[in-house]
Amino acid sequence: MQITQLLDLALEKNASDVHVGTGSVPALRIGGNVVKLEQPPVPEAEIISFLEKYSSTPIQWQNTREMDLAISYRTVRLRVHAFRTYQGWALAIRLLSGQIPTLQHLNLPPIFKKITTARQGLVIITGPTGSGKSTTLAAMIEEINRTRPVNIITIEDPIEYVYEPKMALIQQREVQTHTDSFARALRAALREDPDVILVGEMRDLETIRAALEAAETGHLVLSTLHTNSAAETIDRIIQVFPDYQQQQIRMMLADALLAVVAQRLVPASVPLGRVAVQEILVVNTAVRNLIRENKTFQIPSIIQTGSGLGMQTFQQHLQRIRQQGIVSMEFNTEAVLGLMQGV
């Protein structure tokens, strides 16, 4: 079976991912579950041919062990990760809607619209791989694109959604294709007259520091991390730095941080659909003081009582979308919350 045939089947089945590996039967992720297909393994030559056809740069196969690329296929964008295994090459392909989602389409709370009007500060969307972080960020960028006459610079690895400039000017850059690293592109962005900067992921100390500095100096910075909660996100950022710098970073983060959204995808009532469940921290004076005083363990209590500012816990959000019928009333809330907390 050819990879393009698997992609067509994935579109037909509303799958979110396609998995192909030398010596392994192909599989689709449908409604959050991996479904193996009754098909023979895709030959390695077919995988290599697919990569050669769609890669924008020549590939030195003998030196490459993993690579990322994003391509357009029919009505969708594909985020492709290719990697070597003991059997040969394998692919993990994420299918992204060719249409950029809106805040309304994703049923995101009103606080998201307010956040997109901010002139400066740092906004972090966090969660494990496959939790919809890129989709949430895309909806926020599209809202800014649609409503504000600003200059948006995106730094991505790879480019997933391709934006059509509306009210905003948008320049999209891809790591390894258009720049060497997130940190280098982020520092260069400050000379490109940006109002809004999207950093696909804050992977290292240098990138985190550059993002904080950009947020402090009059830019709205949107980025992601792989953490499970708002409090854990703040701790992770601070702990990346050496001990002697951590108090300084607490001060910078307390001044720069606007909001943290932690999310997971759970099965929706619509067959094969999924919806994001989110914890939302909106940074106010009380939160800034907790960050400065190294008392982030108290942040969950602030979120619990901060609904008037747009905050919500995972539990509160789950309860609301169950009442709205978005998630089944029989849905195992406790199991999901335990998973979110790493239990």
C-alpha atoms as a PDB file:
ATOM      1  CA  MET A   1       0.000   0.000   0.000  1.00  0.00           C
ATOM      2  CA  GLN A   2       1.391   3.414  -0.947  1.00  0.00           C
ATOM      3  CA  ILE A   3       1.712   6.175   1.646  1.00  0.00           C
ATOM      4  CA  THR A   4      -0.583   8.435  -0.361  1.00  0.00           C
ATOM      5  CA  GLN A   5      -3.260   5.712  -0.189  1.00  0.00           C
ATOM      6  CA  LEU A   6      -2.855   5.605   3.596  1.00  0.00           C
ATOM      7  CA  LEU A   7      -3.215   9.381   3.729  1.00  0.00           C
ATOM      8  CA  ASP A   8      -6.421   9.193   1.685  1.00  0.00           C
ATOM      9  CA  LEU A   9      -7.756   6.543   4.057  1.00  0.00           C
ATOM     10  CA  ALA A  10      -6.808   8.709   7.036  1.00  0.00           C
ATOM     11  CA  LEU A  11      -8.773  11.616   5.571  1.00  0.00           C
ATOM     12  CA  GLU A  12     -11.762   9.348   4.977  1.00  0.00           C
ATOM     13  CA  LYS A  13     -11.632   7.999   8.552  1.00  0.00           C
ATOM     14  CA  ASN A  14     -11.006  11.421  10.145  1.00  0.00           C
ATOM     15  CA  ALA A  15      -7.730  10.149  11.614  1.00  0.00           C
ATOM     16  CA  SER A  16      -5.323  12.511  13.343  1.00  0.00           C
ATOM     17  CA  ASP A  17      -2.119  10.538  12.662  1.00  0.00           C
ATOM     18  CA  VAL A  18      -0.648   7.961  10.307  1.00  0.00           C
ATOM     19  CA  HIS A  19       2.124   5.593  11.445  1.00  0.00           C
ATOM     20  CA  VAL A  20       4.275   3.812   8.878  1.00  0.00           C
ATOM     21  CA  GLY A  21       7.364   1.743   9.615  1.00  0.00           C
ATOM     22  CA  THR A  22       9.621  -0.683   7.794  1.00  0.00           C
ATOM     23  CA  GLY A  23       8.570  -4.160   8.866  1.00  0.00           C
ATOM     24  CA  SER A  24       5.495  -2.929  10.777  1.00  0.00           C
ATOM     25  CA  VAL A  25       1.866  -2.903   9.707  1.00  0.00           C
ATOM     26  CA  PRO A  26       0.591   0.653   9.072  1.00  0.00           C
ATOM     27  CA  ALA A  27      -1.727   2.228  11.622  1.00  0.00           C
ATOM     28  CA  LEU A  28      -4.014   5.214  12.064  1.00  0.00           C
ATOM     29  CA  ARG A  29      -4.849   7.145  15.226  1.00  0.00           C
ATOM     30  CA  ILE A  30      -8.621   7.584  15.254  1.00  0.00           C
ATOM     31  CA  GLY A  31     -10.416   9.262  18.131  1.00  0.00           C
ATOM     32  CA  GLY A  32      -7.252   9.042  20.221  1.00  0.00           C
ATOM     33  CA  ASN A  33      -6.778   5.273  19.692  1.00  0.00           C
ATOM     34  CA  VAL A  34      -4.190   3.568  17.478  1.00  0.00           C
ATOM     35  CA  VAL A  35      -5.900   1.278  14.959  1.00  0.00           C
ATOM     36  CA  LYS A  36      -3.716  -1.231  13.096  1.00  0.00           C
ATOM     37  CA  LEU A  37      -4.690  -1.811   9.494  1.00  0.00           C
ATOM     38  CA  GLU A  38      -4.948  -5.203   7.864  1.00  0.00           C
ATOM     39  CA  GLN A  39      -2.300  -4.258   5.342  1.00  0.00           C
ATOM     40  CA  PRO A  40       1.268  -5.468   4.762  1.00  0.00           C
ATOM     41  CA  PRO A  41       4.152  -3.234   5.905  1.00  0.00           C
ATOM     42  CA  VAL A  42       5.044  -0.369   3.598  1.00  0.00           C
ATOM     43  CA  PRO A  43       8.405  -1.101   1.918  1.00  0.00           C
ATOM     44  CA  GLU A  44      11.301   1.082   3.019  1.00  0.00           C
ATOM     45  CA  ALA A  45      11.853   2.122  -0.602  1.00  0.00           C
ATOM     46  CA  GLU A  46       8.339   3.629  -0.608  1.00  0.00           C
ATOM     47  CA  ILE A  47       9.107   5.603   2.567  1.00  0.00           C
ATOM     48  CA  ILE A  48      12.366   6.948   1.120  1.00  0.00           C
ATOM     49  CA  SER A  49      10.645   7.810  -2.158  1.00  0.00           C
ATOM     50  CA  PHE A  50       7.962   9.745  -0.255  1.00  0.00           C
ATOM     51  CA  LEU A  51      10.580  11.738   1.658  1.00  0.00           C
ATOM     52  CA  GLU A  52      12.625  12.479  -1.464  1.00  0.00           C
ATOM     53  CA  LYS A  53       9.516  13.710  -3.260  1.00  0.00           C
ATOM     54  CA  TYR A  54       8.323  16.065  -0.555  1.00  0.00           C
ATOM     55  CA  SER A  55      11.533  17.195   1.169  1.00  0.00           C
ATOM     56  CA  SER A  56      12.477  20.780   0.268  1.00  0.00           C
ATOM     57  CA  THR A  57      16.214  20.139   0.717  1.00  0.00           C
ATOM     58  CA  PRO A  58      18.537  17.336  -0.447  1.00  0.00           C
ATOM     59  CA  ILE A  59      18.795  14.554   2.124  1.00  0.00           C
ATOM     60  CA  GLN A  60      22.059  12.824   2.952  1.00  0.00           C
ATOM     61  CA  TRP A  61      20.490   9.485   3.870  1.00  0.00           C
ATOM     62  CA  GLN A  62      23.707   7.993   5.218  1.00  0.00           C
ATOM     63  CA  ASN A  63      24.074  10.799   7.777  1.00  0.00           C
ATOM     64  CA  THR A  64      20.442  11.499   8.706  1.00  0.00           C
ATOM     65  CA  ARG A  65      18.841   9.609  11.598  1.00  0.00           C
ATOM     66  CA  GLU A  66      15.700  11.711  12.009  1.00  0.00           C
ATOM     67  CA  MET A  67      14.166  14.690  10.248  1.00  0.00           C
ATOM     68  CA  ASP A  68      11.047  16.872  10.263  1.00  0.00           C
ATOM     69  CA  LEU A  69       9.131  18.407   7.403  1.00  0.00           C
ATOM     70  CA  ALA A  70       5.712  19.888   6.713  1.00  0.00           C
ATOM     71  CA  ILE A  71       3.912  19.515   3.402  1.00  0.00           C
ATOM     72  CA  SER A  72       0.549  20.223   1.835  1.00  0.00           C
ATOM     73  CA  TYR A  73      -1.530  17.234   0.741  1.00  0.00           C
ATOM     74  CA  ARG A  74      -4.981  17.639  -0.779  1.00  0.00           C
ATOM     75  CA  THR A  75      -7.003  19.676   1.752  1.00  0.00           C
ATOM     76  CA  VAL A  76      -4.627  19.291   4.718  1.00  0.00           C
ATOM     77  CA  ARG A  77      -1.142  20.072   5.960  1.00  0.00           C
ATOM     78  CA  LEU A  78       1.048  17.189   7.088  1.00  0.00           C
ATOM     79  CA  ARG A  79       3.632  17.386   9.872  1.00  0.00           C
ATOM     80  CA  VAL A  80       5.994  14.519   9.103  1.00  0.00           C
ATOM     81  CA  HIS A  81       8.652  13.111  11.407  1.00  0.00           C
ATOM     82  CA  ALA A  82      10.936  10.536   9.798  1.00  0.00           C
ATOM     83  CA  PHE A  83      13.253   8.424  11.936  1.00  0.00           C
ATOM     84  CA  ARG A  84      15.442   5.355  11.703  1.00  0.00           C
ATOM     85  CA  THR A  85      14.607   2.185  13.627  1.00  0.00           C
ATOM     86  CA  TYR A  86      16.415  -1.155  13.836  1.00  0.00           C
ATOM     87  CA  GLN A  87      14.239  -2.338  10.941  1.00  0.00           C
ATOM     88  CA  GLY A  88      14.635   0.744   8.746  1.00  0.00           C
ATOM     89  CA  TRP A  89      12.916   4.094   8.181  1.00  0.00           C
ATOM     90  CA  ALA A  90       9.592   4.961   9.836  1.00  0.00           C
ATOM     91  CA  LEU A  91       7.182   7.896   9.635  1.00  0.00           C
ATOM     92  CA  ALA A  92       4.859   9.564  12.118  1.00  0.00           C
ATOM     93  CA  ILE A  93       2.518  11.842  10.171  1.00  0.00           C
ATOM     94  CA  ARG A  94       0.172  14.324  11.855  1.00  0.00           C
ATOM     95  CA  LEU A  95      -2.763  15.543   9.734  1.00  0.00           C
ATOM     96  CA  LEU A  96      -3.634  19.207  10.225  1.00  0.00           C
ATOM     97  CA  SER A  97      -6.665  20.899   8.757  1.00  0.00           C
ATOM     98  CA  GLY A  98      -5.796  23.025   5.744  1.00  0.00           C
ATOM     99  CA  GLN A  99      -8.225  25.577   7.154  1.00  0.00           C
ATOM    100  CA  ILE A 100      -6.834  27.548  10.070  1.00  0.00           C
ATOM    101  CA  PRO A 101      -9.165  27.103  13.073  1.00  0.00           C
ATOM    102  CA  THR A 102     -10.845  30.025  14.792  1.00  0.00           C
ATOM    103  CA  LEU A 103     -11.307  30.596  18.507  1.00  0.00           C
ATOM    104  CA  GLN A 104     -15.028  30.021  18.006  1.00  0.00           C
ATOM    105  CA  HIS A 105     -14.518  26.781  16.086  1.00  0.00           C
ATOM    106  CA  LEU A 106     -12.376  25.396  18.911  1.00  0.00           C
ATOM    107  CA  ASN A 107     -14.948  26.566  21.493  1.00  0.00           C
ATOM    108  CA  LEU A 108     -12.225  28.410  23.418  1.00  0.00           C
ATOM    109  CA  PRO A 109     -13.290  30.590  26.376  1.00  0.00           C
ATOM    110  CA  PRO A 110     -13.618  34.395  25.944  1.00  0.00           C
ATOM    111  CA  ILE A 111     -10.328  34.974  27.797  1.00  0.00           C
ATOM    112  CA  PHE A 112      -8.456  33.844  24.666  1.00  0.00           C
ATOM    113  CA  LYS A 113      -9.865  36.744  22.663  1.00  0.00           C
ATOM    114  CA  LYS A 114      -8.781  39.137  25.412  1.00  0.00           C
ATOM    115  CA  ILE A 115      -5.270  37.663  25.470  1.00  0.00           C
ATOM    116  CA  THR A 116      -4.870  38.233  21.724  1.00  0.00           C
ATOM    117  CA  THR A 117      -5.417  41.970  22.247  1.00  0.00           C
ATOM    118  CA  ALA A 118      -2.382  42.273  24.571  1.00  0.00           C
ATOM    119  CA  ARG A 119       0.433  44.510  23.381  1.00  0.00           C
ATOM    120  CA  GLN A 120       3.242  42.730  25.221  1.00  0.00           C
ATOM    121  CA  GLY A 121       3.974  39.799  27.472  1.00  0.00           C
ATOM    122  CA  LEU A 122       4.505  36.030  27.350  1.00  0.00           C
ATOM    123  CA  VAL A 123       1.719  33.497  26.754  1.00  0.00           C
ATOM    124  CA  ILE A 124       2.517  29.788  27.077  1.00  0.00           C
ATOM    125  CA  ILE A 125       0.412  26.881  25.820  1.00  0.00           C
ATOM    126  CA  THR A 126       1.532  23.677  27.492  1.00  0.00           C
ATOM    127  CA  GLY A 127       0.776  19.983  27.424  1.00  0.00           C
ATOM    128  CA  PRO A 128       2.212  16.698  26.154  1.00  0.00           C
ATOM    129  CA  THR A 129       2.879  15.943  22.503  1.00  0.00           C
ATOM    130  CA  GLY A 130      -0.387  15.563  20.622  1.00  0.00           C
ATOM    131  CA  SER A 131      -2.474  17.699  22.970  1.00  0.00           C
ATOM    132  CA  GLY A 132      -3.448  20.304  20.378  1.00  0.00           C
ATOM    133  CA  LYS A 133      -1.030  23.063  21.398  1.00  0.00           C
ATOM    134  CA  SER A 134      -0.220  24.043  17.808  1.00  0.00           C
ATOM    135  CA  THR A 135      -3.904  24.223  16.915  1.00  0.00           C
ATOM    136  CA  THR A 136      -4.692  26.492  19.860  1.00  0.00           C
ATOM    137  CA  LEU A 137      -1.775  28.763  18.965  1.00  0.00           C
ATOM    138  CA  ALA A 138      -2.870  28.849  15.323  1.00  0.00           C
ATOM    139  CA  ALA A 139      -6.344  30.027  16.323  1.00  0.00           C
ATOM    140  CA  MET A 140      -4.820  32.793  18.452  1.00  0.00           C
ATOM    141  CA  ILE A 141      -2.498  33.938  15.661  1.00  0.00           C
ATOM    142  CA  GLU A 142      -5.387  33.907  13.187  1.00  0.00           C
ATOM    143  CA  GLU A 143      -7.478  36.040  15.562  1.00  0.00           C
ATOM    144  CA  ILE A 144      -4.657  38.600  15.708  1.00  0.00           C
ATOM    145  CA  ASN A 145      -4.228  38.363  11.939  1.00  0.00           C
ATOM    146  CA  ARG A 146      -7.915  39.052  11.440  1.00  0.00           C
ATOM    147  CA  THR A 147      -8.297  41.933  13.904  1.00  0.00           C
ATOM    148  CA  ARG A 148      -5.021  43.845  14.386  1.00  0.00           C
ATOM    149  CA  PRO A 149      -2.740  45.826  11.987  1.00  0.00           C
ATOM    150  CA  VAL A 150       0.496  44.354  13.374  1.00  0.00           C
ATOM    151  CA  ASN A 151       3.635  42.556  12.177  1.00  0.00           C
ATOM    152  CA  ILE A 152       3.681  38.862  13.165  1.00  0.00           C
ATOM    153  CA  ILE A 153       6.863  36.769  12.980  1.00  0.00           C
ATOM    154  CA  THR A 154       6.511  32.994  13.433  1.00  0.00           C
ATOM    155  CA  ILE A 155       9.426  30.637  14.148  1.00  0.00           C
ATOM    156  CA  GLU A 156       8.359  27.011  13.728  1.00  0.00           C
ATOM    157  CA  ASP A 157       9.761  23.502  13.411  1.00  0.00           C
ATOM    158  CA  PRO A 158       8.247  22.750  11.012  1.00  0.00           C
ATOM    159  CA  ILE A 159       5.714  25.262   9.624  1.00  0.00           C
ATOM    160  CA  GLU A 160       2.339  23.620  10.209  1.00  0.00           C
ATOM    161  CA  TYR A 161      -0.312  26.193   9.291  1.00  0.00           C
ATOM    162  CA  VAL A 162       0.281  28.616   6.420  1.00  0.00           C
ATOM    163  CA  TYR A 163      -1.402  31.949   7.124  1.00  0.00           C
ATOM    164  CA  GLU A 164      -2.854  34.294   4.549  1.00  0.00           C
ATOM    165  CA  PRO A 165      -2.189  37.880   5.710  1.00  0.00           C
ATOM    166  CA  LYS A 166      -5.398  39.740   6.478  1.00  0.00           C
ATOM    167  CA  MET A 167      -5.201  42.849   8.658  1.00  0.00           C
ATOM    168  CA  ALA A 168      -1.742  41.801   9.882  1.00  0.00           C
ATOM    169  CA  LEU A 169       1.564  41.268   8.101  1.00  0.00           C
ATOM    170  CA  ILE A 170       2.868  37.718   8.672  1.00  0.00           C
ATOM    171  CA  GLN A 171       6.360  36.328   8.052  1.00  0.00           C
ATOM    172  CA  GLN A 172       6.847  32.598   8.722  1.00  0.00           C
ATOM    173  CA  ARG A 173      10.268  31.015   9.287  1.00  0.00           C
ATOM    174  CA  GLU A 174      11.157  27.342   9.630  1.00  0.00           C
ATOM    175  CA  VAL A 175      14.040  26.050  11.761  1.00  0.00           C
ATOM    176  CA  GLN A 176      16.752  24.339   9.683  1.00  0.00           C
ATOM    177  CA  THR A 177      15.221  25.670   6.453  1.00  0.00           C
ATOM    178  CA  HIS A 178      15.191  29.432   7.063  1.00  0.00           C
ATOM    179  CA  THR A 179      17.200  29.698  10.297  1.00  0.00           C
ATOM    180  CA  ASP A 180      19.596  27.613  12.397  1.00  0.00           C
ATOM    181  CA  SER A 181      17.668  27.573  15.678  1.00  0.00           C
ATOM    182  CA  PHE A 182      14.738  29.014  17.627  1.00  0.00           C
ATOM    183  CA  ALA A 183      17.075  31.145  19.743  1.00  0.00           C
ATOM    184  CA  ARG A 184      18.938  32.621  16.780  1.00  0.00           C
ATOM    185  CA  ALA A 185      15.729  33.383  14.877  1.00  0.00           C
ATOM    186  CA  LEU A 186      14.171  34.909  17.997  1.00  0.00           C
ATOM    187  CA  ARG A 187      17.092  37.298  18.490  1.00  0.00           C
ATOM    188  CA  ALA A 188      17.009  38.185  14.795  1.00  0.00           C
ATOM    189  CA  ALA A 189      13.256  38.797  15.025  1.00  0.00           C
ATOM    190  CA  LEU A 190      13.860  41.738  17.338  1.00  0.00           C
ATOM    191  CA  ARG A 191      15.484  43.510  14.354  1.00  0.00           C
ATOM    192  CA  GLU A 192      12.520  42.707  12.094  1.00  0.00           C
ATOM    193  CA  ASP A 193      10.091  45.225  13.652  1.00  0.00           C
ATOM    194  CA  PRO A 194       7.711  42.628  15.150  1.00  0.00           C
ATOM    195  CA  ASP A 195       4.658  43.247  17.288  1.00  0.00           C
ATOM    196  CA  VAL A 196       3.838  39.562  17.826  1.00  0.00           C
ATOM    197  CA  ILE A 197       6.312  36.651  17.859  1.00  0.00           C
ATOM    198  CA  LEU A 198       5.303  32.983  17.764  1.00  0.00           C
ATOM    199  CA  VAL A 199       8.034  30.633  19.011  1.00  0.00           C
ATOM    200  CA  GLY A 200       7.006  27.067  18.189  1.00  0.00           C
ATOM    201  CA  GLU A 201       8.704  25.636  21.276  1.00  0.00           C
ATOM    202  CA  MET A 202      10.933  26.924  24.080  1.00  0.00           C
ATOM    203  CA  ARG A 203      13.392  24.045  24.064  1.00  0.00           C
ATOM    204  CA  ASP A 204      16.450  25.403  25.865  1.00  0.00           C
ATOM    205  CA  LEU A 205      17.825  28.062  28.171  1.00  0.00           C
ATOM    206  CA  GLU A 206      18.891  30.379  25.356  1.00  0.00           C
ATOM    207  CA  THR A 207      15.461  30.330  23.705  1.00  0.00           C
ATOM    208  CA  ILE A 208      13.628  30.850  27.005  1.00  0.00           C
ATOM    209  CA  ARG A 209      15.842  33.801  27.919  1.00  0.00           C
ATOM    210  CA  ALA A 210      15.375  35.385  24.490  1.00  0.00           C
ATOM    211  CA  ALA A 211      11.587  34.913  24.726  1.00  0.00           C
ATOM    212  CA  LEU A 212      11.501  36.558  28.170  1.00  0.00           C
ATOM    213  CA  GLU A 213      13.591  39.478  26.933  1.00  0.00           C
ATOM    214  CA  ALA A 214      11.339  39.935  23.898  1.00  0.00           C
ATOM    215  CA  ALA A 215       8.235  39.891  26.100  1.00  0.00           C
ATOM    216  CA  GLU A 216       9.807  42.420  28.456  1.00  0.00           C
ATOM    217  CA  THR A 217      10.713  44.825  25.659  1.00  0.00           C
ATOM    218  CA  GLY A 218       7.294  45.480  24.175  1.00  0.00           C
ATOM    219  CA  HIS A 219       6.387  42.355  22.203  1.00  0.00           C
ATOM    220  CA  LEU A 220       3.618  39.789  22.549  1.00  0.00           C
ATOM    221  CA  VAL A 221       5.320  36.367  22.564  1.00  0.00           C
ATOM    222  CA  LEU A 222       3.376  33.112  22.182  1.00  0.00           C
ATOM    223  CA  SER A 223       5.099  29.773  22.740  1.00  0.00           C
ATOM    224  CA  THR A 224       4.769  26.185  24.024  1.00  0.00           C
ATOM    225  CA  LEU A 225       6.281  23.853  26.611  1.00  0.00           C
ATOM    226  CA  HIS A 226       5.801  20.175  27.472  1.00  0.00           C
ATOM    227  CA  THR A 227       4.465  20.393  31.020  1.00  0.00           C
ATOM    228  CA  ASN A 228       1.248  19.252  32.721  1.00  0.00           C
ATOM    229  CA  SER A 229       0.047  22.336  34.611  1.00  0.00           C
ATOM    230  CA  ALA A 230       0.460  26.090  34.948  1.00  0.00           C
ATOM    231  CA  ALA A 231       2.454  25.871  38.187  1.00  0.00           C
ATOM    232  CA  GLU A 232       4.723  23.180  36.757  1.00  0.00           C
ATOM    233  CA  THR A 233       5.317  25.363  33.688  1.00  0.00           C
ATOM    234  CA  ILE A 234       6.567  28.252  35.811  1.00  0.00           C
ATOM    235  CA  ASP A 235       8.821  25.958  37.826  1.00  0.00           C
ATOM    236  CA  ARG A 236      10.210  24.332  34.674  1.00  0.00           C
ATOM    237  CA  ILE A 237      11.178  27.681  33.149  1.00  0.00           C
ATOM    238  CA  ILE A 238      12.972  28.780  36.306  1.00  0.00           C
ATOM    239  CA  GLN A 239      14.732  25.453  36.854  1.00  0.00           C
ATOM    240  CA  VAL A 240      16.251  25.511  33.364  1.00  0.00           C
ATOM    241  CA  PHE A 241      18.590  28.231  34.611  1.00  0.00           C
ATOM    242  CA  PRO A 242      21.579  27.800  36.980  1.00  0.00           C
ATOM    243  CA  ASP A 243      20.843  28.317  40.663  1.00  0.00           C
ATOM    244  CA  TYR A 244      22.586  31.681  40.802  1.00  0.00           C
ATOM    245  CA  GLN A 245      20.329  33.055  38.029  1.00  0.00           C
ATOM    246  CA  GLN A 246      16.993  31.690  39.212  1.00  0.00           C
ATOM    247  CA  GLN A 247      15.997  34.651  41.393  1.00  0.00           C
ATOM    248  CA  GLN A 248      16.639  37.027  38.497  1.00  0.00           C
ATOM    249  CA  ILE A 249      14.534  34.818  36.186  1.00  0.00           C
ATOM    250  CA  ARG A 250      11.712  34.750  38.743  1.00  0.00           C
ATOM    251  CA  MET A 251      11.643  38.550  38.588  1.00  0.00           C
ATOM    252  CA  MET A 252      11.713  38.585  34.780  1.00  0.00           C
ATOM    253  CA  LEU A 253       9.016  35.912  34.524  1.00  0.00           C
ATOM    254  CA  ALA A 254       6.786  37.630  37.095  1.00  0.00           C
ATOM    255  CA  ASP A 255       6.913  40.830  35.032  1.00  0.00           C
ATOM    256  CA  ALA A 256       6.600  39.239  31.580  1.00  0.00           C
ATOM    257  CA  LEU A 257       4.128  36.362  31.984  1.00  0.00           C
ATOM    258  CA  LEU A 258       0.536  37.043  30.871  1.00  0.00           C
ATOM    259  CA  ALA A 259      -1.087  33.613  30.865  1.00  0.00           C
ATOM    260  CA  VAL A 260      -0.443  29.865  30.921  1.00  0.00           C
ATOM    261  CA  VAL A 261      -2.844  27.378  29.330  1.00  0.00           C
ATOM    262  CA  ALA A 262      -2.307  23.683  30.079  1.00  0.00           C
ATOM    263  CA  GLN A 263      -4.381  21.325  27.942  1.00  0.00           C
ATOM    264  CA  ARG A 264      -5.143  17.718  27.038  1.00  0.00           C
ATOM    265  CA  LEU A 265      -7.367  16.250  24.335  1.00  0.00           C
ATOM    266  CA  VAL A 266     -10.264  14.020  25.426  1.00  0.00           C
ATOM    267  CA  PRO A 267     -12.896  12.144  23.383  1.00  0.00           C
ATOM    268  CA  ALA A 268     -15.841  14.323  22.381  1.00  0.00           C
ATOM    269  CA  SER A 269     -19.463  13.247  22.089  1.00  0.00           C
ATOM    270  CA  VAL A 270     -19.168  13.488  18.301  1.00  0.00           C
ATOM    271  CA  PRO A 271     -17.927  10.098  17.058  1.00  0.00           C
ATOM    272  CA  LEU A 272     -14.153  10.020  16.532  1.00  0.00           C
ATOM    273  CA  GLY A 273     -13.811  13.650  17.629  1.00  0.00           C
ATOM    274  CA  ARG A 274     -11.652  15.129  20.379  1.00  0.00           C
ATOM    275  CA  VAL A 275     -11.823  18.347  22.353  1.00  0.00           C
ATOM    276  CA  ALA A 276      -9.285  20.238  24.462  1.00  0.00           C
ATOM    277  CA  VAL A 277      -9.714  20.343  28.241  1.00  0.00           C
ATOM    278  CA  GLN A 278      -7.785  23.296  29.643  1.00  0.00           C
ATOM    279  CA  GLU A 279      -6.432  24.732  32.860  1.00  0.00           C
ATOM    280  CA  ILE A 280      -6.077  28.512  32.444  1.00  0.00           C
ATOM    281  CA  LEU A 281      -3.906  30.766  34.597  1.00  0.00           C
ATOM    282  CA  VAL A 282      -4.251  34.510  34.027  1.00  0.00           C
ATOM    283  CA  VAL A 283      -1.374  36.330  35.683  1.00  0.00           C
ATOM    284  CA  ASN A 284      -2.462  39.072  38.094  1.00  0.00           C
ATOM    285  CA  THR A 285      -0.725  40.853  40.974  1.00  0.00           C
ATOM    286  CA  ALA A 286      -1.216  37.913  43.346  1.00  0.00           C
ATOM    287  CA  VAL A 287       0.316  35.456  40.879  1.00  0.00           C
ATOM    288  CA  ARG A 288       3.250  37.783  40.186  1.00  0.00           C
ATOM    289  CA  ASN A 289       3.977  37.937  43.909  1.00  0.00           C
ATOM    290  CA  LEU A 290       3.843  34.136  44.214  1.00  0.00           C
ATOM    291  CA  ILE A 291       6.329  33.778  41.355  1.00  0.00           C
ATOM    292  CA  ARG A 292       8.719  36.332  42.905  1.00  0.00           C
ATOM    293  CA  GLU A 293       8.479  34.677  46.335  1.00  0.00           C
ATOM    294  CA  ASN A 294       8.934  31.131  44.961  1.00  0.00           C
ATOM    295  CA  LYS A 295       5.483  30.043  46.166  1.00  0.00           C
ATOM    296  CA  THR A 296       4.142  28.543  42.930  1.00  0.00           C
ATOM    297  CA  PHE A 297       2.598  25.688  44.937  1.00  0.00           C
ATOM    298  CA  GLN A 298      -0.163  28.178  45.858  1.00  0.00           C
ATOM    299  CA  ILE A 299      -1.070  28.897  42.220  1.00  0.00           C
ATOM    300  CA  PRO A 300      -3.722  26.122  41.956  1.00  0.00           C
ATOM    301  CA  SER A 301      -5.695  27.880  44.706  1.00  0.00           C
ATOM    302  CA  ILE A 302      -5.555  31.148  42.748  1.00  0.00           C
ATOM    303  CA  ILE A 303      -6.862  29.371  39.642  1.00  0.00           C
ATOM    304  CA  GLN A 304      -9.649  27.715  41.638  1.00  0.00           C
ATOM    305  CA  THR A 305     -11.051  31.084  42.739  1.00  0.00           C
ATOM    306  CA  GLY A 306     -10.135  33.158  39.674  1.00  0.00           C
ATOM    307  CA  SER A 307     -13.079  32.462  37.366  1.00  0.00           C
ATOM    308  CA  GLY A 308     -13.953  36.167  37.319  1.00  0.00           C
ATOM    309  CA  LEU A 309     -10.647  36.822  35.546  1.00  0.00           C
ATOM    310  CA  GLY A 310     -11.097  33.973  33.068  1.00  0.00           C
ATOM    311  CA  MET A 311      -9.202  31.323  35.034  1.00  0.00           C
ATOM    312  CA  GLN A 312     -10.360  27.729  35.262  1.00  0.00           C
ATOM    313  CA  THR A 313      -9.161  24.381  36.554  1.00  0.00           C
ATOM    314  CA  PHE A 314      -9.255  21.171  34.535  1.00  0.00           C
ATOM    315  CA  GLN A 315     -12.110  19.977  36.751  1.00  0.00           C
ATOM    316  CA  GLN A 316     -14.167  23.130  36.176  1.00  0.00           C
ATOM    317  CA  HIS A 317     -13.687  22.940  32.418  1.00  0.00           C
ATOM    318  CA  LEU A 318     -14.561  19.248  32.268  1.00  0.00           C
ATOM    319  CA  GLN A 319     -17.716  19.838  34.274  1.00  0.00           C
ATOM    320  CA  ARG A 320     -18.792  22.673  31.973  1.00  0.00           C
ATOM    321  CA  ILE A 321     -18.277  20.820  28.698  1.00  0.00           C
ATOM    322  CA  ARG A 322     -20.058  17.765  30.105  1.00  0.00           C
ATOM    323  CA  GLN A 323     -23.056  19.960  30.907  1.00  0.00           C
ATOM    324  CA  GLN A 324     -22.896  21.380  27.371  1.00  0.00           C
ATOM    325  CA  GLY A 325     -22.945  17.870  25.915  1.00  0.00           C
ATOM    326  CA  ILE A 326     -19.537  18.281  24.291  1.00  0.00           C
ATOM    327  CA  VAL A 327     -18.240  15.377  26.379  1.00  0.00           C
ATOM    328  CA  SER A 328     -20.472  12.492  27.413  1.00  0.00           C
ATOM    329  CA  MET A 329     -21.895  12.592  30.941  1.00  0.00           C
ATOM    330  CA  GLU A 330     -20.584   9.016  31.321  1.00  0.00           C
ATOM    331  CA  PHE A 331     -17.056  10.201  30.612  1.00  0.00           C
ATOM    332  CA  ASN A 332     -14.549   9.104  33.269  1.00  0.00           C
ATOM    333  CA  THR A 333     -13.567  12.513  34.638  1.00  0.00           C
ATOM    334  CA  GLU A 334     -11.449  11.164  37.503  1.00  0.00           C
ATOM    335  CA  ALA A 335      -9.344   9.002  35.176  1.00  0.00           C
ATOM    336  CA  VAL A 336      -8.586  11.944  32.903  1.00  0.00           C
ATOM    337  CA  LEU A 337      -7.675  14.236  35.780  1.00  0.00           C
ATOM    338  CA  GLY A 338      -5.352  11.586  37.171  1.00  0.00           C
ATOM    339  CA  LEU A 339      -3.690  11.265  33.776  1.00  0.00           C
ATOM    340  CA  MET A 340      -3.258  15.029  33.543  1.00  0.00           C
ATOM    341  CA  GLN A 341      -1.580  15.157  36.908  1.00  0.00           C
ATOM    342  CA  GLY A 342       0.812  12.373  35.996  1.00  0.00           C
ATOM    343  CA  VAL A 343      -0.725   9.866  38.398  1.00  0.00           C
END
